[in-house]
PDB file of N, CA and C in Angstrom:
ATOM      1  N   GLU A   1     -43.730 -40.535 -16.919  1.00  0.00           N
ATOM      2  CA  GLU A   1     -44.561 -39.061 -17.456  1.00  0.00           C
ATOM      3  C   GLU A   1     -45.050 -38.427 -16.101  1.00  0.00           C
ATOM      4  N   HIS A   2     -44.861 -37.022 -16.337  1.00  0.00           N
ATOM      5  CA  HIS A   2     -45.618 -36.077 -15.088  1.00  0.00           C
ATOM      6  C   HIS A   2     -44.765 -37.120 -13.649  1.00  0.00           C
ATOM      7  N   GLY A   3     -43.910 -36.944 -14.109  1.00  0.00           N
ATOM      8  CA  GLY A   3     -42.918 -37.603 -12.834  1.00  0.00           C
ATOM      9  C   GLY A   3     -43.451 -38.840 -12.210  1.00  0.00           C
ATOM     10  N   HIS A   4     -44.084 -39.713 -12.918  1.00  0.00           N
ATOM     11  CA  HIS A   4     -44.404 -41.192 -12.483  1.00  0.00           C
ATOM     12  C   HIS A   4     -43.393 -42.168 -12.949  1.00  0.00           C
ATOM     13  N   ARG A   5     -42.391 -42.822 -12.611  1.00  0.00           N
ATOM     14  CA  ARG A   5     -41.762 -43.944 -13.730  1.00  0.00           C
ATOM     15  C   ARG A   5     -42.854 -45.003 -14.088  1.00  0.00           C
ATOM     16  N   LYS A   6     -42.818 -45.785 -14.879  1.00  0.00           N
ATOM     17  CA  LYS A   6     -43.622 -46.964 -15.145  1.00  0.00           C
ATOM     18  C   LYS A   6     -42.442 -48.029 -14.609  1.00  0.00           C
ATOM     19  N   LEU A   7     -43.483 -48.912 -13.853  1.00  0.00           N
ATOM     20  CA  LEU A   7     -42.703 -50.474 -12.922  1.00  0.00           C
ATOM     21  C   LEU A   7     -42.860 -50.993 -13.888  1.00  0.00           C
ATOM     22  N   GLU A   8     -41.694 -51.693 -14.756  1.00  0.00           N
ATOM     23  CA  GLU A   8     -41.631 -53.105 -15.480  1.00  0.00           C
ATOM     24  C   GLU A   8     -41.802 -54.086 -14.602  1.00  0.00           C
ATOM     25  N   VAL A   9     -42.609 -54.868 -14.790  1.00  0.00           N
ATOM     26  CA  VAL A   9     -42.758 -56.340 -13.671  1.00  0.00           C
ATOM     27  C   VAL A   9     -42.575 -57.603 -14.632  1.00  0.00           C
ATOM     28  N   THR A  10     -41.940 -58.250 -14.545  1.00  0.00           N
ATOM     29  CA  THR A  10     -41.718 -59.313 -15.329  1.00  0.00           C
ATOM     30  C   THR A  10     -42.458 -60.812 -15.120  1.00  0.00           C
ATOM     31  N   VAL A  11     -42.477 -61.453 -15.803  1.00  0.00           N
ATOM     32  CA  VAL A  11     -43.576 -62.514 -15.789  1.00  0.00           C
ATOM     33  C   VAL A  11     -42.753 -63.496 -14.421  1.00  0.00           C
ATOM     34  N   LEU A  12     -41.108 -63.483 -14.417  1.00  0.00           N
ATOM     35  CA  LEU A  12     -40.725 -64.110 -13.247  1.00  0.00           C
ATOM     36  C   LEU A  12     -40.970 -63.276 -11.568  1.00  0.00           C
ATOM     37  N   ASP A  13     -41.253 -61.826 -11.561  1.00  0.00           N
ATOM     38  CA  ASP A  13     -41.740 -61.281 -10.801  1.00  0.00           C
ATOM     39  C   ASP A  13     -43.233 -61.775 -10.355  1.00  0.00           C
ATOM     40  N   GLN A  14     -43.639 -62.187 -11.529  1.00  0.00           N
ATOM     41  CA  GLN A  14     -45.152 -62.338 -11.184  1.00  0.00           C
ATOM     42  C   GLN A  14     -45.360 -63.372 -10.436  1.00  0.00           C
ATOM     43  N   LEU A  15     -44.237 -64.245 -10.841  1.00  0.00           N
ATOM     44  CA  LEU A  15     -44.419 -65.726 -10.234  1.00  0.00           C
ATOM     45  C   LEU A  15     -44.129 -65.689  -9.326  1.00  0.00           C
ATOM     46  N   GLN A  16     -42.783 -64.989  -8.696  1.00  0.00           N
ATOM     47  CA  GLN A  16     -42.695 -64.692  -7.411  1.00  0.00           C
ATOM     48  C   GLN A  16     -43.453 -64.501  -6.711  1.00  0.00           C
ATOM     49  N   GLN A  17     -44.032 -63.109  -7.042  1.00  0.00           N
ATOM     50  CA  GLN A  17     -45.362 -62.738  -5.593  1.00  0.00           C
ATOM     51  C   GLN A  17     -46.645 -63.776  -5.560  1.00  0.00           C
ATOM     52  N   TRP A  18     -46.547 -64.521  -6.671  1.00  0.00           N
ATOM     53  CA  TRP A  18     -47.567 -65.430  -6.361  1.00  0.00           C
ATOM     54  C   TRP A  18     -47.390 -66.988  -5.540  1.00  0.00           C
ATOM     55  N   MET A  19     -45.899 -67.030  -5.749  1.00  0.00           N
ATOM     56  CA  MET A  19     -45.573 -67.970  -4.697  1.00  0.00           C
ATOM     57  C   MET A  19     -45.389 -67.433  -3.218  1.00  0.00           C
ATOM     58  N   ALA A  20     -44.767 -66.502  -3.413  1.00  0.00           N
ATOM     59  CA  ALA A  20     -44.548 -65.760  -1.929  1.00  0.00           C
ATOM     60  C   ALA A  20     -46.207 -65.684  -1.424  1.00  0.00           C
ATOM     61  N   ALA A  21     -47.425 -65.367  -2.119  1.00  0.00           N
ATOM     62  CA  ALA A  21     -48.291 -65.339  -1.661  1.00  0.00           C
ATOM     63  C   ALA A  21     -49.479 -66.811  -0.911  1.00  0.00           C
ATOM     64  N   ILE A  22     -48.610 -67.734  -2.024  1.00  0.00           N
ATOM     65  CA  ILE A  22     -49.389 -69.161  -1.708  1.00  0.00           C
ATOM     66  C   ILE A  22     -48.206 -69.516  -0.337  1.00  0.00           C
ATOM     67  N   HIS A  23     -47.076 -69.128  -0.012  1.00  0.00           N
ATOM     68  CA  HIS A  23     -46.531 -69.534   1.015  1.00  0.00           C
ATOM     69  C   HIS A  23     -46.940 -68.806   2.061  1.00  0.00           C
ATOM     70  N   GLY A  24     -47.142 -67.502   2.362  1.00  0.00           N
ATOM     71  CA  GLY A  24     -47.589 -66.998   3.147  1.00  0.00           C
ATOM     72  C   GLY A  24     -49.186 -67.146   3.947  1.00  0.00           C
ATOM     73  N   SER A  25     -49.785 -67.895   3.058  1.00  0.00           N
ATOM     74  CA  SER A  25     -51.003 -68.491   3.376  1.00  0.00           C
ATOM     75  C   SER A  25     -50.824 -69.831   4.013  1.00  0.00           C
ATOM     76  N   LEU A  26     -50.028 -70.123   4.117  1.00  0.00           N
ATOM     77  CA  LEU A  26     -50.041 -71.501   4.653  1.00  0.00           C
ATOM     78  C   LEU A  26     -49.674 -71.373   6.067  1.00  0.00           C
ATOM     79  N   PHE A  27     -49.997 -72.762   6.997  1.00  0.00           N
ATOM     80  CA  PHE A  27     -49.634 -72.434   8.423  1.00  0.00           C
ATOM     81  C   PHE A  27     -48.887 -73.796   8.649  1.00  0.00           C
ATOM     82  N   LEU A  28     -48.323 -74.108   9.690  1.00  0.00           N
ATOM     83  CA  LEU A  28     -46.941 -75.071  10.009  1.00  0.00           C
ATOM     84  C   LEU A  28     -48.596 -76.009  10.690  1.00  0.00           C
ATOM     85  N   LYS A  29     -48.422 -77.349   9.666  1.00  0.00           N
ATOM     86  CA  LYS A  29     -48.950 -78.444  10.596  1.00  0.00           C
ATOM     87  C   LYS A  29     -48.178 -79.493  11.461  1.00  0.00           C
ATOM     88  N   GLU A  30     -48.797 -79.909  12.071  1.00  0.00           N
ATOM     89  CA  GLU A  30     -48.481 -80.967  13.306  1.00  0.00           C
ATOM     90  C   GLU A  30     -47.865 -82.297  12.487  1.00  0.00           C
ATOM     91  N   SER A  31     -46.855 -82.986  13.027  1.00  0.00           N
ATOM     92  CA  SER A  31     -46.643 -84.055  11.916  1.00  0.00           C
ATOM     93  C   SER A  31     -45.971 -84.668  13.040  1.00  0.00           C
ATOM     94  N   ALA A  32     -45.818 -86.122  12.924  1.00  0.00           N
ATOM     95  CA  ALA A  32     -44.759 -86.548  13.872  1.00  0.00           C
ATOM     96  C   ALA A  32     -43.699 -86.811  13.263  1.00  0.00           C
ATOM     97  N   LEU A  33     -43.390 -86.651  12.158  1.00  0.00           N
ATOM     98  CA  LEU A  33     -41.912 -86.639  11.552  1.00  0.00           C
ATOM     99  C   LEU A  33     -41.334 -85.287  11.723  1.00  0.00           C
ATOM    100  N   SER A  34     -41.831 -84.303  11.956  1.00  0.00           N
ATOM    101  CA  SER A  34     -41.322 -82.909  11.632  1.00  0.00           C
ATOM    102  C   SER A  34     -42.295 -82.026  12.127  1.00  0.00           C
ATOM    103  N   PRO A  35     -42.579 -81.387  13.588  1.00  0.00           N
ATOM    104  CA  PRO A  35     -43.545 -80.384  14.188  1.00  0.00           C
ATOM    105  C   PRO A  35     -43.618 -79.343  13.079  1.00  0.00           C
ATOM    106  N   SER A  36     -42.606 -79.052  12.519  1.00  0.00           N
ATOM    107  CA  SER A  36     -42.278 -77.581  11.651  1.00  0.00           C
ATOM    108  C   SER A  36     -42.542 -77.940  10.240  1.00  0.00           C
ATOM    109  N   LYS A  37     -42.736 -78.967   9.976  1.00  0.00           N
ATOM    110  CA  LYS A  37     -43.131 -79.305   8.445  1.00  0.00           C
ATOM    111  C   LYS A  37     -43.965 -78.215   7.773  1.00  0.00           C
ATOM    112  N   LEU A  38     -43.902 -77.463   6.604  1.00  0.00           N
ATOM    113  CA  LEU A  38     -44.898 -76.633   6.041  1.00  0.00           C
ATOM    114  C   LEU A  38     -45.969 -77.401   5.285  1.00  0.00           C
ATOM    115  N   ALA A  39     -47.341 -77.116   5.424  1.00  0.00           N
ATOM    116  CA  ALA A  39     -48.407 -77.911   4.939  1.00  0.00           C
ATOM    117  C   ALA A  39     -48.462 -78.055   3.535  1.00  0.00           C
ATOM    118  N   ASP A  40     -48.917 -78.803   2.884  1.00  0.00           N
ATOM    119  CA  ASP A  40     -49.006 -78.396   1.389  1.00  0.00           C
ATOM    120  C   ASP A  40     -49.435 -77.306   1.058  1.00  0.00           C
ATOM    121  N   PRO A  41     -49.482 -76.847  -0.219  1.00  0.00           N
ATOM    122  CA  PRO A  41     -49.242 -77.638  -0.978  1.00  0.00           C
ATOM    123  C   PRO A  41     -47.723 -77.661  -1.999  1.00  0.00           C
ATOM    124  N   LYS A  42     -46.990 -78.216  -2.723  1.00  0.00           N
ATOM    125  CA  LYS A  42     -45.627 -78.262  -3.039  1.00  0.00           C
ATOM    126  C   LYS A  42     -46.108 -77.500  -4.433  1.00  0.00           C
ATOM    127  N   ILE A  43     -45.091 -77.072  -5.068  1.00  0.00           N
ATOM    128  CA  ILE A  43     -44.861 -76.032  -6.427  1.00  0.00           C
ATOM    129  C   ILE A  43     -44.117 -76.743  -7.136  1.00  0.00           C
ATOM    130  N   MET A  44     -44.702 -77.144  -8.711  1.00  0.00           N
ATOM    131  CA  MET A  44     -43.998 -77.584  -9.735  1.00  0.00           C
ATOM    132  C   MET A  44     -43.852 -76.363 -10.742  1.00  0.00           C
ATOM    133  N   LEU A  45     -42.996 -75.573 -10.960  1.00  0.00           N
ATOM    134  CA  LEU A  45     -42.943 -75.097 -12.127  1.00  0.00           C
ATOM    135  C   LEU A  45     -42.894 -75.587 -13.360  1.00  0.00           C
ATOM    136  N   VAL A  46     -43.972 -75.003 -14.456  1.00  0.00           N
ATOM    137  CA  VAL A  46     -43.553 -75.884 -15.789  1.00  0.00           C
ATOM    138  C   VAL A  46     -43.786 -75.165 -16.529  1.00  0.00           C
ATOM    139  N   GLY A  47     -42.934 -74.800 -17.611  1.00  0.00           N
ATOM    140  CA  GLY A  47     -42.844 -73.768 -18.615  1.00  0.00           C
ATOM    141  C   GLY A  47     -42.594 -74.645 -19.833  1.00  0.00           C
ATOM    142  N   THR A  48     -44.198 -74.067 -20.722  1.00  0.00           N
ATOM    143  CA  THR A  48     -44.968 -74.864 -21.565  1.00  0.00           C
ATOM    144  C   THR A  48     -44.333 -74.615 -22.958  1.00  0.00           C
ATOM    145  N   HIS A  49     -43.541 -73.556 -22.974  1.00  0.00           N
ATOM    146  CA  HIS A  49     -43.084 -73.510 -24.434  1.00  0.00           C
ATOM    147  C   HIS A  49     -41.586 -73.325 -24.766  1.00  0.00           C
ATOM    148  N   GLY A  50     -41.172 -75.126 -24.426  1.00  0.00           N
ATOM    149  CA  GLY A  50     -40.135 -75.113 -24.913  1.00  0.00           C
ATOM    150  C   GLY A  50     -39.875 -75.396 -26.292  1.00  0.00           C
ATOM    151  N   ASP A  51     -40.577 -75.323 -26.893  1.00  0.00           N
ATOM    152  CA  ASP A  51     -40.584 -75.508 -28.546  1.00  0.00           C
ATOM    153  C   ASP A  51     -40.145 -74.359 -28.949  1.00  0.00           C
ATOM    154  N   LEU A  52     -40.328 -73.313 -28.468  1.00  0.00           N
ATOM    155  CA  LEU A  52     -39.957 -71.823 -29.053  1.00  0.00           C
ATOM    156  C   LEU A  52     -38.190 -72.446 -29.550  1.00  0.00           C
ATOM    157  N   PRO A  53     -38.083 -71.480 -30.656  1.00  0.00           N
ATOM    158  CA  PRO A  53     -37.046 -71.229 -30.902  1.00  0.00           C
ATOM    159  C   PRO A  53     -35.749 -70.581 -30.303  1.00  0.00           C
ATOM    160  N   GLY A  54     -34.528 -71.027 -29.823  1.00  0.00           N
ATOM    161  CA  GLY A  54     -34.032 -70.285 -29.347  1.00  0.00           C
ATOM    162  C   GLY A  54     -34.226 -69.963 -27.915  1.00  0.00           C
ATOM    163  N   ILE A  55     -34.412 -71.082 -27.299  1.00  0.00           N
ATOM    164  CA  ILE A  55     -35.269 -71.128 -25.730  1.00  0.00           C
ATOM    165  C   ILE A  55     -33.780 -72.130 -25.336  1.00  0.00           C
ATOM    166  N   ASN A  56     -33.293 -71.643 -24.615  1.00  0.00           N
ATOM    167  CA  ASN A  56     -31.890 -72.845 -23.757  1.00  0.00           C
ATOM    168  C   ASN A  56     -32.856 -72.909 -22.147  1.00  0.00           C
ATOM    169  N   HIS A  57     -33.269 -74.268 -22.231  1.00  0.00           N
ATOM    170  CA  HIS A  57     -34.155 -74.427 -21.116  1.00  0.00           C
ATOM    171  C   HIS A  57     -32.930 -74.637 -19.496  1.00  0.00           C
ATOM    172  N   GLN A  58     -32.061 -75.038 -19.897  1.00  0.00           N
ATOM    173  CA  GLN A  58     -31.017 -74.542 -18.566  1.00  0.00           C
ATOM    174  C   GLN A  58     -30.789 -73.358 -18.257  1.00  0.00           C
ATOM    175  N   GLU A  59     -30.867 -72.511 -19.407  1.00  0.00           N
ATOM    176  CA  GLU A  59     -30.173 -71.166 -18.584  1.00  0.00           C
ATOM    177  C   GLU A  59     -31.380 -70.293 -17.758  1.00  0.00           C
ATOM    178  N   VAL A  60     -32.786 -70.876 -18.802  1.00  0.00           N
ATOM    179  CA  VAL A  60     -34.072 -70.327 -17.899  1.00  0.00           C
ATOM    180  C   VAL A  60     -34.524 -71.060 -16.546  1.00  0.00           C
ATOM    181  N   THR A  61     -34.278 -72.340 -16.465  1.00  0.00           N
ATOM    182  CA  THR A  61     -34.719 -72.977 -15.504  1.00  0.00           C
ATOM    183  C   THR A  61     -33.455 -72.447 -14.299  1.00  0.00           C
ATOM    184  N   GLY A  62     -32.088 -72.528 -14.988  1.00  0.00           N
ATOM    185  CA  GLY A  62     -31.231 -71.612 -13.457  1.00  0.00           C
ATOM    186  C   GLY A  62     -31.206 -70.409 -13.099  1.00  0.00           C
ATOM    187  N   ARG A  63     -31.792 -69.838 -14.476  1.00  0.00           N
ATOM    188  CA  ARG A  63     -32.240 -68.128 -13.723  1.00  0.00           C
ATOM    189  C   ARG A  63     -33.597 -68.148 -12.779  1.00  0.00           C
ATOM    190  N   ILE A  64     -34.803 -69.018 -12.987  1.00  0.00           N
ATOM    191  CA  ILE A  64     -35.560 -69.228 -12.409  1.00  0.00           C
ATOM    192  C   ILE A  64     -35.034 -69.530 -10.727  1.00  0.00           C
ATOM    193  N   GLU A  65     -34.020 -70.758 -10.888  1.00  0.00           N
ATOM    194  CA  GLU A  65     -33.790 -70.762  -9.525  1.00  0.00           C
ATOM    195  C   GLU A  65     -32.841 -70.007  -8.937  1.00  0.00           C
ATOM    196  N   ALA A  66     -31.902 -69.532  -9.262  1.00  0.00           N
ATOM    197  CA  ALA A  66     -31.134 -68.491  -8.866  1.00  0.00           C
ATOM    198  C   ALA A  66     -32.087 -66.928  -8.232  1.00  0.00           C
ATOM    199  N   GLN A  67     -33.414 -66.807  -9.007  1.00  0.00           N
ATOM    200  CA  GLN A  67     -34.243 -65.892  -8.215  1.00  0.00           C
ATOM    201  C   GLN A  67     -34.633 -66.350  -7.218  1.00  0.00           C
ATOM    202  N   CYS A  68     -35.176 -67.716  -7.518  1.00  0.00           N
ATOM    203  CA  CYS A  68     -35.944 -68.346  -5.977  1.00  0.00           C
ATOM    204  C   CYS A  68     -34.875 -68.428  -5.001  1.00  0.00           C
ATOM    205  N   LYS A  69     -33.768 -68.431  -5.250  1.00  0.00           N
ATOM    206  CA  LYS A  69     -33.053 -69.388  -3.757  1.00  0.00           C
ATOM    207  C   LYS A  69     -32.972 -68.077  -2.527  1.00  0.00           C
ATOM    208  N   GLY A  70     -33.045 -69.101  -1.681  1.00  0.00           N
ATOM    209  CA  GLY A  70     -33.131 -67.672  -0.395  1.00  0.00           C
ATOM    210  C   GLY A  70     -34.738 -67.461  -0.011  1.00  0.00           C
ATOM    211  N   LYS A  71     -35.836 -67.567  -0.685  1.00  0.00           N
ATOM    212  CA  LYS A  71     -36.814 -67.314  -0.764  1.00  0.00           C
ATOM    213  C   LYS A  71     -37.313 -67.830  -0.366  1.00  0.00           C
ATOM    214  N   ALA A  72     -38.327 -67.657   0.977  1.00  0.00           N
ATOM    215  CA  ALA A  72     -38.741 -68.370   1.948  1.00  0.00           C
ATOM    216  C   ALA A  72     -39.862 -69.691   1.005  1.00  0.00           C
ATOM    217  N   PHE A  73     -40.471 -69.256  -0.053  1.00  0.00           N
ATOM    218  CA  PHE A  73     -41.457 -70.320  -0.789  1.00  0.00           C
ATOM    219  C   PHE A  73     -40.333 -70.897  -1.328  1.00  0.00           C
ATOM    220  N   ASN A  74     -39.217 -71.122  -1.425  1.00  0.00           N
ATOM    221  CA  ASN A  74     -38.305 -71.806  -2.687  1.00  0.00           C
ATOM    222  C   ASN A  74     -38.607 -73.618  -1.775  1.00  0.00           C
ATOM    223  N   GLN A  75     -38.620 -73.984  -0.405  1.00  0.00           N
ATOM    224  CA  GLN A  75     -38.728 -75.119   0.080  1.00  0.00           C
ATOM    225  C   GLN A  75     -40.395 -75.530  -0.488  1.00  0.00           C
ATOM    226  N   LEU A  76     -41.366 -74.847  -1.111  1.00  0.00           N
ATOM    227  CA  LEU A  76     -42.259 -75.200  -1.704  1.00  0.00           C
ATOM    228  C   LEU A  76     -42.117 -76.076  -2.974  1.00  0.00           C
ATOM    229  N   ILE A  77     -41.047 -75.656  -3.772  1.00  0.00           N
ATOM    230  CA  ILE A  77     -40.790 -76.067  -4.983  1.00  0.00           C
ATOM    231  C   ILE A  77     -40.126 -77.375  -4.819  1.00  0.00           C
ATOM    232  N   ILE A  78     -41.056 -78.136  -5.706  1.00  0.00           N
ATOM    233  CA  ILE A  78     -40.402 -79.602  -6.325  1.00  0.00           C
ATOM    234  C   ILE A  78     -39.814 -79.896  -7.191  1.00  0.00           C
ATOM    235  N   ASP A  79     -39.741 -79.285  -8.114  1.00  0.00           N
ATOM    236  CA  ASP A  79     -39.051 -79.243  -9.452  1.00  0.00           C
ATOM    237  C   ASP A  79     -39.417 -77.737 -10.505  1.00  0.00           C
ATOM    238  N   ASN A  80     -38.358 -77.951 -11.243  1.00  0.00           N
ATOM    239  CA  ASN A  80     -38.747 -76.453 -12.175  1.00  0.00           C
ATOM    240  C   ASN A  80     -38.450 -77.125 -13.721  1.00  0.00           C
ATOM    241  N   ILE A  81     -39.215 -77.334 -14.382  1.00  0.00           N
ATOM    242  CA  ILE A  81     -39.362 -77.886 -15.886  1.00  0.00           C
ATOM    243  C   ILE A  81     -39.830 -76.579 -17.220  1.00  0.00           C
ATOM    244  N   ILE A  82     -38.955 -77.364 -18.127  1.00  0.00           N
ATOM    245  CA  ILE A  82     -39.638 -76.762 -19.359  1.00  0.00           C
ATOM    246  C   ILE A  82     -39.790 -77.572 -20.351  1.00  0.00           C
ATOM    247  N   LEU A  83     -40.913 -77.712 -21.070  1.00  0.00           N
ATOM    248  CA  LEU A  83     -41.165 -78.789 -21.494  1.00  0.00           C
ATOM    249  C   LEU A  83     -41.999 -78.304 -23.357  1.00  0.00           C
ATOM    250  N   ASP A  84     -42.014 -79.296 -24.036  1.00  0.00           N
ATOM    251  CA  ASP A  84     -42.467 -79.018 -25.413  1.00  0.00           C
ATOM    252  C   ASP A  84     -43.981 -79.430 -25.317  1.00  0.00           C
ATOM    253  N   ASN A  85     -45.279 -78.700 -25.076  1.00  0.00           N
ATOM    254  CA  ASN A  85     -46.349 -79.014 -25.270  1.00  0.00           C
ATOM    255  C   ASN A  85     -47.003 -79.488 -26.257  1.00  0.00           C
ATOM    256  N   THR A  86     -46.278 -79.015 -27.170  1.00  0.00           N
ATOM    257  CA  THR A  86     -47.183 -79.530 -28.507  1.00  0.00           C
ATOM    258  C   THR A  86     -47.121 -80.983 -28.825  1.00  0.00           C
ATOM    259  N   LYS A  87     -46.087 -81.575 -27.844  1.00  0.00           N
ATOM    260  CA  LYS A  87     -46.101 -82.997 -28.524  1.00  0.00           C
ATOM    261  C   LYS A  87     -46.618 -83.757 -27.368  1.00  0.00           C
ATOM    262  N   ALA A  88     -47.569 -83.153 -26.390  1.00  0.00           N
ATOM    263  CA  ALA A  88     -48.244 -83.998 -25.697  1.00  0.00           C
ATOM    264  C   ALA A  88     -48.876 -85.084 -26.003  1.00  0.00           C
ATOM    265  N   GLY A  89     -48.976 -86.385 -25.160  1.00  0.00           N
ATOM    266  CA  GLY A  89     -49.751 -87.512 -25.651  1.00  0.00           C
ATOM    267  C   GLY A  89     -49.454 -87.848 -26.945  1.00  0.00           C
ATOM    268  N   LYS A  90     -48.095 -87.355 -27.562  1.00  0.00           N
ATOM    269  CA  LYS A  90     -47.578 -88.077 -28.676  1.00  0.00           C
ATOM    270  C   LYS A  90     -46.584 -89.018 -28.684  1.00  0.00           C
ATOM    271  N   VAL A  91     -45.979 -89.967 -29.951  1.00  0.00           N
ATOM    272  CA  VAL A  91     -45.394 -91.270 -29.911  1.00  0.00           C
ATOM    273  C   VAL A  91     -43.884 -90.294 -29.128  1.00  0.00           C
ATOM    274  N   PHE A  92     -44.052 -89.072 -29.692  1.00  0.00           N
ATOM    275  CA  PHE A  92     -42.766 -88.283 -29.426  1.00  0.00           C
ATOM    276  C   PHE A  92     -42.525 -87.779 -28.482  1.00  0.00           C
ATOM    277  N   GLU A  93     -43.318 -87.961 -27.299  1.00  0.00           N
ATOM    278  CA  GLU A  93     -43.828 -87.010 -26.247  1.00  0.00           C
ATOM    279  C   GLU A  93     -42.511 -86.335 -25.596  1.00  0.00           C
ATOM    280  N   ASP A  94     -42.391 -85.246 -25.096  1.00  0.00           N
ATOM    281  CA  ASP A  94     -41.626 -84.244 -24.665  1.00  0.00           C
ATOM    282  C   ASP A  94     -40.964 -85.628 -23.358  1.00  0.00           C
ATOM    283  N   LYS A  95     -39.939 -85.852 -22.415  1.00  0.00           N
ATOM    284  CA  LYS A  95     -39.585 -86.924 -21.818  1.00  0.00           C
ATOM    285  C   LYS A  95     -39.582 -86.111 -20.719  1.00  0.00           C
ATOM    286  N   GLU A  96     -39.817 -85.107 -20.358  1.00  0.00           N
ATOM    287  CA  GLU A  96     -40.251 -84.215 -19.098  1.00  0.00           C
ATOM    288  C   GLU A  96     -41.713 -84.044 -18.769  1.00  0.00           C
ATOM    289  N   PHE A  97     -42.951 -85.058 -19.368  1.00  0.00           N
ATOM    290  CA  PHE A  97     -44.161 -85.121 -19.337  1.00  0.00           C
ATOM    291  C   PHE A  97     -43.912 -86.620 -18.299  1.00  0.00           C
ATOM    292  N   ASN A  98     -43.112 -87.268 -18.771  1.00  0.00           N
ATOM    293  CA  ASN A  98     -42.719 -88.628 -17.618  1.00  0.00           C
ATOM    294  C   ASN A  98     -42.396 -88.011 -16.090  1.00  0.00           C
ATOM    295  N   ILE A  99     -41.667 -87.143 -16.091  1.00  0.00           N
ATOM    296  CA  ILE A  99     -41.131 -86.488 -14.799  1.00  0.00           C
ATOM    297  C   ILE A  99     -42.267 -85.846 -14.097  1.00  0.00           C
ATOM    298  N   ILE A 100     -42.862 -85.227 -14.900  1.00  0.00           N
ATOM    299  CA  ILE A 100     -44.285 -84.575 -14.055  1.00  0.00           C
ATOM    300  C   ILE A 100     -45.645 -85.588 -13.521  1.00  0.00           C
ATOM    301  N   ARG A 101     -45.683 -87.029 -14.232  1.00  0.00           N
ATOM    302  CA  ARG A 101     -46.542 -87.591 -14.090  1.00  0.00           C
ATOM    303  C   ARG A 101     -45.766 -88.563 -12.769  1.00  0.00           C
ATOM    304  N   GLU A 102     -44.741 -88.589 -13.035  1.00  0.00           N
ATOM    305  CA  GLU A 102     -43.974 -89.312 -11.792  1.00  0.00           C
ATOM    306  C   GLU A 102     -44.289 -88.955 -10.360  1.00  0.00           C
ATOM    307  N   LYS A 103     -43.650 -87.221 -10.160  1.00  0.00           N
ATOM    308  CA  LYS A 103     -44.072 -86.519  -9.297  1.00  0.00           C
ATOM    309  C   LYS A 103     -45.783 -86.441  -8.785  1.00  0.00           C
ATOM    310  N   ILE A 104     -46.418 -86.519  -9.380  1.00  0.00           N
ATOM    311  CA  ILE A 104     -47.713 -86.052  -9.161  1.00  0.00           C
ATOM    312  C   ILE A 104     -48.587 -87.138  -8.738  1.00  0.00           C
ATOM    313  N   HIS A 105     -47.989 -88.766  -9.039  1.00  0.00           N
ATOM    314  CA  HIS A 105     -48.711 -89.440  -8.607  1.00  0.00           C
ATOM    315  C   HIS A 105     -47.693 -90.238  -7.086  1.00  0.00           C
TER     316      HIS A 105
END
């Protein structure tokens, strides 16, 4: 209205802006193994609503990977996981929690 267009910003757009901000604030750290290796942090993308009906986990993670491919911050991403957080700590906990635990330790 009044000649202004509304800008639609998706969650994925916001996620990419956040990751770009993190990447932009990093500096190169000296390392005996690789002098140009980026300093931490590493990013693990975790979608926590895998329990919602109609969510195709592979489609969503594939779309996120495609959007991040070729971007400078992509080298910081160590994983892209969708899980059912309603089962955290329960007997039949989502197997993705173990992947997260392993990568954190």
